[in-house]
Amino acid sequence: MQKGAGMMVVGLSFIVSLIVMVGSAAGIPGGTQLIVTDMAPACGICHSVAKADYTPEWSAERSAADLPVNKHYKVIESADRGYKLLSEDKRKALLEQVKWVDDNSSISLKAPTSAKPGQPIEVTVETKGGIGPNVGIMLVDKPLRYQGRPIAADGWYVVGKPKVIGSDGKEQSWWLDKRPDEKKNLSFVLVQATADPEKKTLPTSKITWTLRAPLDPGMYTITAAFLYGTEEPDEYKTGKLEPPPAGFGVSSASGRIQFSEPITVAVK
């Protein structure tokens, strides 16, 4: 085997291993708890996307293939891959749950529309939905799955650690506190948020960031990305990580990536 081909095999093996690690039923909880740093929307490569508009560089057909109805729903309905292990009634119930989560999950962003160069501003993101046990929220420059960048890449600076409020109205710091030093000014956070499908209740979160505006005058966009799962609300119900309904590495499409409407900020 040629050296280049060997490196490619190793690279693909790593990617497959990473997908298996983070491709649990809830999409992100199993793997992302280990990655306590800024992240980009492309980290949800295995997830389904809420809108085809998130991948404008692709053909309409290719973008549509990543929508939940094509990438996730149809696989459950057809008992494809690991879903063949589920009985028809369980698949039907799972599909109903998944659609319920999608229909009721949302993200919104609030930010001022103008700022002076270097001026601190407050940005707030609110989410509802996701099955749990965690959801991920990040600030990026544009609502693009593979081209959106962490907000700092566009000249913004995250001042201090974000304030994270969970469904119970209490502040959470468990994920940020995993960092070994004082640098907790991250543009990505993981929030404990678990749904109760039987009671038809979905979790909420509210994250407030203080950003220092770019030094260069201009028009800047801010968007928030929402990563959530749709299948298993408690992957650790027995005290250890449990396989999702269709097995590890199969239910990765049950994860979602959804963006807020972008806000344009005039820095002048």
Protein backbone atom coordinates (compact mmCIF):
# COMPACT_ATOMS: atom_id res chain seq x y z
CA MET A 1 0.00 0.00 0.00
CA GLN A 2 1.32 3.47 -0.85
CA LYS A 3 2.13 5.83 1.98
CA GLY A 4 -0.58 8.32 0.94
CA ALA A 5 -3.21 5.60 0.74
CA GLY A 6 -2.22 4.31 4.16
CA MET A 7 -2.60 7.77 5.67
CA MET A 8 -6.02 8.05 4.04
CA VAL A 9 -7.14 4.75 5.59
CA VAL A 10 -5.95 5.91 9.02
CA GLY A 11 -7.76 9.21 8.52
CA LEU A 12 -10.99 7.52 7.51
CA SER A 13 -10.73 5.15 10.46
CA PHE A 14 -10.40 8.12 12.79
CA ILE A 15 -13.43 9.82 11.24
CA VAL A 16 -15.51 6.66 11.55
CA SER A 17 -14.45 6.29 15.19
CA LEU A 18 -15.36 9.92 15.86
CA ILE A 19 -18.77 9.51 14.25
CA VAL A 20 -19.42 6.41 16.36
CA MET A 21 -18.34 8.31 19.47
CA VAL A 22 -20.58 11.35 18.92
CA GLY A 23 -23.26 9.63 16.87
CA SER A 24 -25.31 8.55 19.82
CA ALA A 25 -29.08 8.85 19.90
CA ALA A 26 -29.06 12.36 21.20
CA GLY A 27 -26.54 13.32 18.55
CA ILE A 28 -23.98 15.16 20.67
CA PRO A 29 -24.06 14.32 24.41
CA GLY A 30 -21.83 11.25 24.47
CA GLY A 31 -18.92 12.83 22.63
CA THR A 32 -19.19 16.58 23.04
CA GLN A 33 -18.92 16.47 26.83
CA LEU A 34 -15.25 15.67 26.23
CA ILE A 35 -14.65 18.62 23.87
CA VAL A 36 -14.69 21.71 26.08
CA THR A 37 -13.69 24.43 23.64
CA ASP A 38 -15.07 26.60 20.84
CA MET A 39 -16.68 24.62 18.06
CA ALA A 40 -17.93 25.22 14.52
CA PRO A 41 -21.21 24.06 12.92
CA ALA A 42 -19.33 21.54 10.80
CA CYS A 43 -18.89 19.45 13.95
CA GLY A 44 -22.46 18.28 13.31
CA ILE A 45 -21.52 16.61 10.01
CA CYS A 46 -23.53 13.50 10.88
CA HIS A 47 -26.61 15.43 12.00
CA SER A 48 -29.67 16.17 9.91
CA VAL A 49 -30.22 19.85 9.08
CA ALA A 50 -33.38 21.82 9.79
CA LYS A 51 -33.19 23.67 6.45
CA ALA A 52 -31.61 22.95 3.08
CA ASP A 53 -30.53 26.62 2.98
CA TYR A 54 -27.71 25.80 5.40
CA THR A 55 -25.66 24.21 2.58
CA PRO A 56 -25.93 26.62 -0.40
CA GLU A 57 -22.71 25.26 -1.89
CA TRP A 58 -24.45 21.95 -2.60
CA SER A 59 -27.01 21.06 -5.23
CA ALA A 60 -30.66 21.25 -4.22
CA GLU A 61 -30.87 17.45 -4.35
CA ARG A 62 -27.83 16.97 -2.13
CA SER A 63 -29.01 19.57 0.38
CA ALA A 64 -32.47 17.96 0.55
CA ALA A 65 -30.87 14.60 1.34
CA ASP A 66 -29.69 16.00 4.69
CA LEU A 67 -33.15 17.10 5.82
CA PRO A 68 -34.67 15.02 8.65
CA VAL A 69 -37.44 13.66 6.43
CA ASN A 70 -34.87 12.10 4.10
CA LYS A 71 -31.90 11.41 6.35
CA HIS A 72 -33.76 10.21 9.44
CA TYR A 73 -37.52 9.70 9.09
CA LYS A 74 -37.30 7.49 6.02
CA VAL A 75 -34.67 5.28 7.64
CA ILE A 76 -36.94 4.65 10.61
CA GLU A 77 -40.01 4.06 8.43
CA SER A 78 -38.21 1.58 6.18
CA ALA A 79 -36.57 -0.26 9.09
CA ASP A 80 -33.21 0.36 7.46
CA ARG A 81 -29.87 -0.29 9.19
CA GLY A 82 -30.14 -0.66 12.97
CA TYR A 83 -33.81 0.29 13.02
CA LYS A 84 -34.59 -3.18 11.75
CA LEU A 85 -33.97 -4.31 15.35
CA LEU A 86 -37.11 -2.45 16.44
CA SER A 87 -40.63 -3.80 16.09
CA GLU A 88 -43.03 -1.92 13.85
CA ASP A 89 -44.96 -0.43 16.78
CA LYS A 90 -41.75 0.79 18.42
CA ARG A 91 -40.56 2.34 15.18
CA LYS A 92 -43.92 4.09 14.79
CA ALA A 93 -43.75 5.44 18.35
CA LEU A 94 -40.15 6.54 17.85
CA LEU A 95 -41.00 8.38 14.65
CA GLU A 96 -43.88 10.18 16.35
CA GLN A 97 -41.55 11.26 19.15
CA VAL A 98 -38.87 12.44 16.74
CA LYS A 99 -41.35 14.52 14.73
CA TRP A 100 -42.76 16.00 17.94
CA VAL A 101 -39.30 17.10 19.04
CA ASP A 102 -38.56 18.63 15.63
CA ASP A 103 -41.90 20.43 15.42
CA ASN A 104 -41.35 22.06 18.80
CA SER A 105 -37.63 22.83 18.86
CA SER A 106 -36.46 26.37 18.18
CA ILE A 107 -33.69 28.89 18.73
CA SER A 108 -33.77 32.68 18.86
CA LEU A 109 -31.09 35.35 19.09
CA LYS A 110 -31.20 38.87 20.53
CA ALA A 111 -28.45 41.40 19.91
CA PRO A 112 -28.14 45.15 19.30
CA THR A 113 -27.96 46.21 15.67
CA SER A 114 -25.16 48.73 16.17
CA ALA A 115 -22.01 49.12 18.23
CA LYS A 116 -18.87 51.20 18.35
CA PRO A 117 -15.53 49.52 17.54
CA GLY A 118 -14.40 47.64 20.63
CA GLN A 119 -17.64 48.30 22.50
CA PRO A 120 -18.98 45.48 24.73
CA ILE A 121 -22.47 44.30 23.80
CA GLU A 122 -24.77 41.68 25.29
CA VAL A 123 -26.05 38.82 23.13
CA THR A 124 -28.74 36.39 24.33
CA VAL A 125 -29.74 33.05 22.84
CA GLU A 126 -32.84 31.15 23.90
CA THR A 127 -33.66 27.59 22.91
CA LYS A 128 -36.57 25.25 23.35
CA GLY A 129 -36.48 21.57 22.55
CA GLY A 130 -34.09 18.76 21.97
CA ILE A 131 -34.60 15.40 23.65
CA GLY A 132 -31.57 15.58 25.93
CA PRO A 133 -29.76 14.85 28.07
CA ASN A 134 -27.84 17.88 26.73
CA VAL A 135 -28.07 20.43 23.95
CA GLY A 136 -25.29 22.46 22.36
CA ILE A 137 -25.41 26.17 21.47
CA MET A 138 -22.75 28.21 19.71
CA LEU A 139 -22.30 31.72 18.32
CA VAL A 140 -21.14 31.82 14.71
CA ASP A 141 -20.85 34.38 11.94
CA LYS A 142 -23.31 32.93 9.41
CA PRO A 143 -26.04 30.24 9.29
CA LEU A 144 -23.93 27.90 7.16
CA ARG A 145 -23.32 24.31 8.18
CA TYR A 146 -19.90 23.85 6.61
CA GLN A 147 -18.75 27.45 6.28
CA GLY A 148 -19.96 29.08 9.48
CA ARG A 149 -17.12 30.03 11.85
CA PRO A 150 -16.90 30.65 15.59
CA ILE A 151 -17.75 34.28 16.28
CA ALA A 152 -14.16 35.12 17.27
CA ALA A 153 -13.02 34.39 13.72
CA ASP A 154 -14.91 37.48 12.54
CA GLY A 155 -13.31 39.92 14.96
CA TRP A 156 -15.57 39.54 17.99
CA TYR A 157 -14.11 38.72 21.40
CA VAL A 158 -15.99 36.77 24.06
CA VAL A 159 -15.62 38.68 27.34
CA GLY A 160 -15.73 36.37 30.35
CA LYS A 161 -17.72 33.17 30.58
CA PRO A 162 -21.28 33.07 29.26
CA LYS A 163 -24.18 32.90 31.69
CA VAL A 164 -26.06 29.64 31.15
CA ILE A 165 -29.58 29.17 32.52
CA GLY A 166 -31.29 25.77 32.28
CA SER A 167 -34.95 24.72 32.29
CA ASP A 168 -35.12 24.98 36.07
CA GLY A 169 -34.13 28.66 35.97
CA LYS A 170 -30.82 27.94 37.65
CA GLU A 171 -27.39 28.84 36.36
CA GLN A 172 -25.21 26.00 35.07
CA SER A 173 -21.41 26.02 35.07
CA TRP A 174 -20.66 22.26 35.05
CA TRP A 175 -19.46 22.17 31.45
CA LEU A 176 -17.44 25.37 31.50
CA ASP A 177 -15.85 24.25 34.77
CA LYS A 178 -14.37 21.23 33.01
CA ARG A 179 -11.66 23.50 31.59
CA PRO A 180 -8.39 23.14 33.51
CA ASP A 181 -7.70 26.88 33.58
CA GLU A 182 -9.56 30.16 33.98
CA LYS A 183 -10.22 30.60 30.25
CA LYS A 184 -13.94 29.96 30.10
CA ASN A 185 -14.83 32.67 27.59
CA LEU A 186 -16.16 30.17 25.07
CA SER A 187 -18.58 30.79 22.21
CA PHE A 188 -19.91 27.21 22.53
CA VAL A 189 -21.68 25.74 25.54
CA LEU A 190 -23.26 22.43 26.42
CA VAL A 191 -26.42 22.68 28.51
CA GLN A 192 -28.12 19.99 30.57
CA ALA A 193 -31.60 19.81 29.09
CA THR A 194 -33.83 16.73 29.21
CA ALA A 195 -37.28 16.33 27.70
CA ASP A 196 -40.14 14.24 29.07
CA PRO A 197 -41.90 12.69 26.05
CA GLU A 198 -44.65 11.18 28.19
CA LYS A 199 -45.56 14.54 29.71
CA LYS A 200 -44.93 16.34 26.43
CA THR A 201 -42.50 18.79 27.99
CA LEU A 202 -39.36 20.07 26.30
CA PRO A 203 -36.36 21.73 27.95
CA THR A 204 -35.39 25.36 27.56
CA SER A 205 -32.12 27.22 27.88
CA LYS A 206 -30.98 30.83 27.96
CA ILE A 207 -27.37 31.79 27.34
CA THR A 208 -26.05 35.32 27.60
CA TRP A 209 -22.69 36.31 26.17
CA THR A 210 -20.82 39.60 26.46
CA LEU A 211 -19.00 40.30 23.22
CA ARG A 212 -16.48 43.02 22.44
CA ALA A 213 -17.20 44.39 18.98
CA PRO A 214 -14.60 44.15 16.18
CA LEU A 215 -12.12 47.02 15.97
CA ASP A 216 -12.65 47.47 12.24
CA PRO A 217 -15.83 49.34 11.24
CA GLY A 218 -18.20 47.43 8.99
CA MET A 219 -21.30 45.27 8.82
CA TYR A 220 -21.10 42.02 10.78
CA THR A 221 -23.57 39.17 11.14
CA ILE A 222 -24.12 37.07 14.25
CA THR A 223 -26.01 33.78 14.26
CA ALA A 224 -26.56 31.10 16.86
CA ALA A 225 -26.42 27.38 16.09
CA PHE A 226 -28.45 24.80 18.02
CA LEU A 227 -27.38 21.15 18.23
CA TYR A 228 -29.92 18.75 19.68
CA GLY A 229 -31.05 15.13 19.61
CA THR A 230 -34.46 13.57 19.00
CA GLU A 231 -34.43 9.95 20.17
CA GLU A 232 -33.21 9.04 23.66
CA PRO A 233 -33.76 11.56 26.48
CA ASP A 234 -31.50 9.77 28.97
CA GLU A 235 -28.50 7.91 27.58
CA TYR A 236 -27.24 7.22 31.12
CA LYS A 237 -30.46 5.90 32.65
CA THR A 238 -28.68 2.77 33.94
CA GLY A 239 -25.63 4.66 35.15
CA LYS A 240 -23.61 4.05 32.00
CA LEU A 241 -23.85 5.09 28.36
CA GLU A 242 -26.61 3.02 26.74
CA PRO A 243 -26.97 2.31 23.01
CA PRO A 244 -29.69 4.30 21.22
CA PRO A 245 -32.66 2.40 19.71
CA ALA A 246 -30.82 1.61 16.48
CA GLY A 247 -27.37 1.15 18.01
CA PHE A 248 -24.27 3.35 18.18
CA GLY A 249 -23.10 4.83 14.89
CA VAL A 250 -26.51 4.38 13.28
CA SER A 251 -28.67 6.99 14.98
CA SER A 252 -26.31 9.89 14.27
CA ALA A 253 -28.82 11.36 11.82
CA SER A 254 -31.22 11.71 14.75
CA GLY A 255 -29.14 14.69 15.82
CA ARG A 256 -30.09 18.10 14.41
CA ILE A 257 -28.44 21.38 13.59
CA GLN A 258 -30.64 24.46 13.50
CA PHE A 259 -29.67 28.14 13.19
CA SER A 260 -31.33 31.26 14.53
CA GLU A 261 -32.16 34.10 12.20
CA PRO A 262 -28.95 36.12 11.74
CA ILE A 263 -28.65 39.66 13.10
CA THR A 264 -26.58 42.27 11.31
CA VAL A 265 -24.59 44.59 13.56
CA ALA A 266 -23.25 47.85 12.19
CA VAL A 267 -19.90 48.59 13.80
CA LYS A 268 -19.18 52.29 13.35
